[in-house]
């Protein structure tokens, strides 16, 4: 569905997805992120998979082909520090830790970057830079 403004005949585009490199088989990162974030699988195939999150955002994982050039992307998550106990968390490679802050940068197995803001005791992410 497209938004229209009241004062103009302009149709504005709507945000559709965050696109990430899905490697050789996009069902693998789809299932990886589904285990972290939950949501609904919209499409699952070897070359293109889509995950709709409960919050409405969509993650699209694509395999690089001649007609679909894909680059690794970056997503940002906020979560409880208990995520360290999630079995898939060990698949993330720590790239940068900021000890005096509550966020760190990781890389997933497909080269996508994942910033994680760890929730404080008040259940709000500290995002000061």
C-alpha atoms as a PDB file:
ATOM      1  CA  UNK A   1       0.000   0.000   0.000  1.00  0.00           C
ATOM      2  CA  UNK A   2       1.368   3.414  -0.950  1.00  0.00           C
ATOM      3  CA  UNK A   3       1.050   6.603   1.109  1.00  0.00           C
ATOM      4  CA  UNK A   4      -0.391   9.688  -0.507  1.00  0.00           C
ATOM      5  CA  UNK A   5      -0.076  13.208   0.810  1.00  0.00           C
ATOM      6  CA  UNK A   6      -3.174  15.361   1.300  1.00  0.00           C
ATOM      7  CA  UNK A   7      -1.704  18.432  -0.379  1.00  0.00           C
ATOM      8  CA  UNK A   8      -0.049  16.823  -3.396  1.00  0.00           C
ATOM      9  CA  UNK A   9      -0.776  14.183  -5.965  1.00  0.00           C
ATOM     10  CA  UNK A  10       2.519  12.550  -5.046  1.00  0.00           C
ATOM     11  CA  UNK A  11       2.619   8.859  -4.213  1.00  0.00           C
ATOM     12  CA  UNK A  12       5.407   8.152  -1.743  1.00  0.00           C
ATOM     13  CA  UNK A  13       7.271   4.849  -1.726  1.00  0.00           C
ATOM     14  CA  UNK A  14       6.935   2.561   1.275  1.00  0.00           C
ATOM     15  CA  UNK A  15       9.785   0.827   3.061  1.00  0.00           C
ATOM     16  CA  UNK A  16       9.783  -2.853   2.058  1.00  0.00           C
ATOM     17  CA  UNK A  17      12.842  -4.637   3.413  1.00  0.00           C
ATOM     18  CA  UNK A  18      16.376  -4.837   4.670  1.00  0.00           C
ATOM     19  CA  UNK A  19      18.389  -6.897   2.205  1.00  0.00           C
ATOM     20  CA  UNK A  20      21.213  -9.132   3.329  1.00  0.00           C
ATOM     21  CA  UNK A  21      23.627 -11.457   1.572  1.00  0.00           C
ATOM     22  CA  UNK A  22      22.203 -14.952   1.830  1.00  0.00           C
ATOM     23  CA  UNK A  23      25.254 -16.892   0.707  1.00  0.00           C
ATOM     24  CA  UNK A  24      24.898 -19.953  -1.502  1.00  0.00           C
ATOM     25  CA  UNK A  25      21.678 -21.188   0.131  1.00  0.00           C
ATOM     26  CA  UNK A  26      19.405 -18.453   1.532  1.00  0.00           C
ATOM     27  CA  UNK A  27      17.374 -20.884   3.615  1.00  0.00           C
ATOM     28  CA  UNK A  28      20.308 -21.131   6.048  1.00  0.00           C
ATOM     29  CA  UNK A  29      20.470 -17.428   7.062  1.00  0.00           C
ATOM     30  CA  UNK A  30      16.657 -17.314   6.987  1.00  0.00           C
ATOM     31  CA  UNK A  31      16.482 -20.060   9.633  1.00  0.00           C
ATOM     32  CA  UNK A  32      19.403 -18.500  11.540  1.00  0.00           C
ATOM     33  CA  UNK A  33      17.623 -15.141  11.918  1.00  0.00           C
ATOM     34  CA  UNK A  34      14.215 -16.779  12.449  1.00  0.00           C
ATOM     35  CA  UNK A  35      15.697 -18.496  15.517  1.00  0.00           C
ATOM     36  CA  UNK A  36      16.845 -15.107  16.906  1.00  0.00           C
ATOM     37  CA  UNK A  37      14.020 -12.814  15.880  1.00  0.00           C
ATOM     38  CA  UNK A  38      10.958 -14.992  15.332  1.00  0.00           C
ATOM     39  CA  UNK A  39       8.496 -13.891  12.682  1.00  0.00           C
ATOM     40  CA  UNK A  40       6.874 -15.464   9.652  1.00  0.00           C
ATOM     41  CA  UNK A  41       8.590 -17.027   6.663  1.00  0.00           C
ATOM     42  CA  UNK A  42       7.128 -15.378   3.543  1.00  0.00           C
ATOM     43  CA  UNK A  43       9.321 -17.173   1.031  1.00  0.00           C
ATOM     44  CA  UNK A  44      11.977 -19.821   1.405  1.00  0.00           C
ATOM     45  CA  UNK A  45      14.073 -21.032  -1.491  1.00  0.00           C
ATOM     46  CA  UNK A  46      17.675 -21.740  -2.367  1.00  0.00           C
ATOM     47  CA  UNK A  47      18.259 -18.326  -4.005  1.00  0.00           C
ATOM     48  CA  UNK A  48      15.781 -15.963  -2.295  1.00  0.00           C
ATOM     49  CA  UNK A  49      14.156 -16.041   1.142  1.00  0.00           C
ATOM     50  CA  UNK A  50      12.034 -13.530   3.070  1.00  0.00           C
ATOM     51  CA  UNK A  51      11.307 -13.216   6.793  1.00  0.00           C
ATOM     52  CA  UNK A  52       8.579 -10.883   8.064  1.00  0.00           C
ATOM     53  CA  UNK A  53       9.165  -9.811  11.646  1.00  0.00           C
ATOM     54  CA  UNK A  54       6.333  -9.307  14.143  1.00  0.00           C
ATOM     55  CA  UNK A  55       7.161  -5.583  14.120  1.00  0.00           C
ATOM     56  CA  UNK A  56       6.396  -5.475  10.381  1.00  0.00           C
ATOM     57  CA  UNK A  57       9.884  -5.220   8.923  1.00  0.00           C
ATOM     58  CA  UNK A  58      10.980  -7.723   6.318  1.00  0.00           C
ATOM     59  CA  UNK A  59      14.442  -9.264   5.967  1.00  0.00           C
ATOM     60  CA  UNK A  60      15.314 -10.466   2.462  1.00  0.00           C
ATOM     61  CA  UNK A  61      18.195 -12.889   1.917  1.00  0.00           C
ATOM     62  CA  UNK A  62      19.488 -13.230  -1.625  1.00  0.00           C
ATOM     63  CA  UNK A  63      22.066 -15.327  -3.394  1.00  0.00           C
ATOM     64  CA  UNK A  64      24.381 -13.414  -5.721  1.00  0.00           C
ATOM     65  CA  UNK A  65      23.500 -14.024  -9.379  1.00  0.00           C
ATOM     66  CA  UNK A  66      24.071 -12.182 -12.643  1.00  0.00           C
ATOM     67  CA  UNK A  67      20.713 -10.424 -12.348  1.00  0.00           C
ATOM     68  CA  UNK A  68      20.761 -10.000  -8.570  1.00  0.00           C
ATOM     69  CA  UNK A  69      23.966  -8.395  -7.348  1.00  0.00           C
ATOM     70  CA  UNK A  70      23.963  -8.565  -3.553  1.00  0.00           C
ATOM     71  CA  UNK A  71      26.304  -7.008  -1.033  1.00  0.00           C
ATOM     72  CA  UNK A  72      26.533  -7.796   2.649  1.00  0.00           C
ATOM     73  CA  UNK A  73      24.385  -5.465   4.734  1.00  0.00           C
ATOM     74  CA  UNK A  74      24.119  -4.242   8.299  1.00  0.00           C
ATOM     75  CA  UNK A  75      21.281  -4.697  10.760  1.00  0.00           C
ATOM     76  CA  UNK A  76      20.935  -3.417  14.308  1.00  0.00           C
ATOM     77  CA  UNK A  77      19.253  -5.398  17.065  1.00  0.00           C
ATOM     78  CA  UNK A  78      18.392  -4.531  20.628  1.00  0.00           C
ATOM     79  CA  UNK A  79      18.166  -7.470  22.979  1.00  0.00           C
ATOM     80  CA  UNK A  80      18.668  -8.777  26.473  1.00  0.00           C
ATOM     81  CA  UNK A  81      22.237  -9.848  27.326  1.00  0.00           C
ATOM     82  CA  UNK A  82      20.903 -13.393  27.701  1.00  0.00           C
ATOM     83  CA  UNK A  83      21.188 -13.616  23.885  1.00  0.00           C
ATOM     84  CA  UNK A  84      24.740 -14.802  24.633  1.00  0.00           C
ATOM     85  CA  UNK A  85      23.134 -18.104  25.689  1.00  0.00           C
ATOM     86  CA  UNK A  86      21.374 -18.589  22.320  1.00  0.00           C
ATOM     87  CA  UNK A  87      22.914 -21.512  20.402  1.00  0.00           C
ATOM     88  CA  UNK A  88      23.240 -19.462  17.192  1.00  0.00           C
ATOM     89  CA  UNK A  89      25.020 -16.596  18.976  1.00  0.00           C
ATOM     90  CA  UNK A  90      28.280 -18.546  18.826  1.00  0.00           C
ATOM     91  CA  UNK A  91      28.093 -18.281  15.011  1.00  0.00           C
ATOM     92  CA  UNK A  92      28.541 -14.508  15.244  1.00  0.00           C
ATOM     93  CA  UNK A  93      32.111 -13.234  15.091  1.00  0.00           C
ATOM     94  CA  UNK A  94      32.843 -10.334  17.443  1.00  0.00           C
ATOM     95  CA  UNK A  95      34.382  -7.466  15.434  1.00  0.00           C
ATOM     96  CA  UNK A  96      34.264  -4.633  17.955  1.00  0.00           C
ATOM     97  CA  UNK A  97      33.323  -4.378  21.601  1.00  0.00           C
ATOM     98  CA  UNK A  98      32.772  -1.095  23.387  1.00  0.00           C
ATOM     99  CA  UNK A  99      33.203  -1.978  27.089  1.00  0.00           C
ATOM    100  CA  UNK A 100      32.059   1.400  28.423  1.00  0.00           C
ATOM    101  CA  UNK A 101      28.929   1.228  26.242  1.00  0.00           C
ATOM    102  CA  UNK A 102      26.287  -1.468  25.915  1.00  0.00           C
ATOM    103  CA  UNK A 103      26.746  -2.328  22.246  1.00  0.00           C
ATOM    104  CA  UNK A 104      29.003  -4.479  20.126  1.00  0.00           C
ATOM    105  CA  UNK A 105      29.538  -5.186  16.437  1.00  0.00           C
ATOM    106  CA  UNK A 106      29.408  -8.755  15.132  1.00  0.00           C
ATOM    107  CA  UNK A 107      29.647 -10.398  11.717  1.00  0.00           C
ATOM    108  CA  UNK A 108      27.329 -13.248  10.717  1.00  0.00           C
ATOM    109  CA  UNK A 109      28.570 -16.260   8.709  1.00  0.00           C
ATOM    110  CA  UNK A 110      27.541 -14.538   5.429  1.00  0.00           C
ATOM    111  CA  UNK A 111      29.537 -11.333   5.979  1.00  0.00           C
ATOM    112  CA  UNK A 112      26.617  -9.181   7.141  1.00  0.00           C
ATOM    113  CA  UNK A 113      27.291  -6.922  10.117  1.00  0.00           C
ATOM    114  CA  UNK A 114      25.080  -7.093  13.198  1.00  0.00           C
ATOM    115  CA  UNK A 115      25.179  -4.272  15.740  1.00  0.00           C
ATOM    116  CA  UNK A 116      23.690  -5.422  19.027  1.00  0.00           C
ATOM    117  CA  UNK A 117      22.493  -2.933  21.631  1.00  0.00           C
ATOM    118  CA  UNK A 118      22.208  -4.844  24.878  1.00  0.00           C
ATOM    119  CA  UNK A 119      19.243  -3.813  26.997  1.00  0.00           C
ATOM    120  CA  UNK A 120      19.990  -2.376  30.413  1.00  0.00           C
ATOM    121  CA  UNK A 121      18.185  -3.321  33.610  1.00  0.00           C
ATOM    122  CA  UNK A 122      15.358  -0.892  32.791  1.00  0.00           C
ATOM    123  CA  UNK A 123      14.637  -2.715  29.461  1.00  0.00           C
ATOM    124  CA  UNK A 124      15.675   0.184  27.279  1.00  0.00           C
ATOM    125  CA  UNK A 125      18.600   0.159  24.903  1.00  0.00           C
ATOM    126  CA  UNK A 126      21.359   2.669  25.590  1.00  0.00           C
ATOM    127  CA  UNK A 127      22.164   4.229  22.236  1.00  0.00           C
ATOM    128  CA  UNK A 128      24.432   7.110  23.103  1.00  0.00           C
ATOM    129  CA  UNK A 129      27.521   7.275  20.958  1.00  0.00           C
END
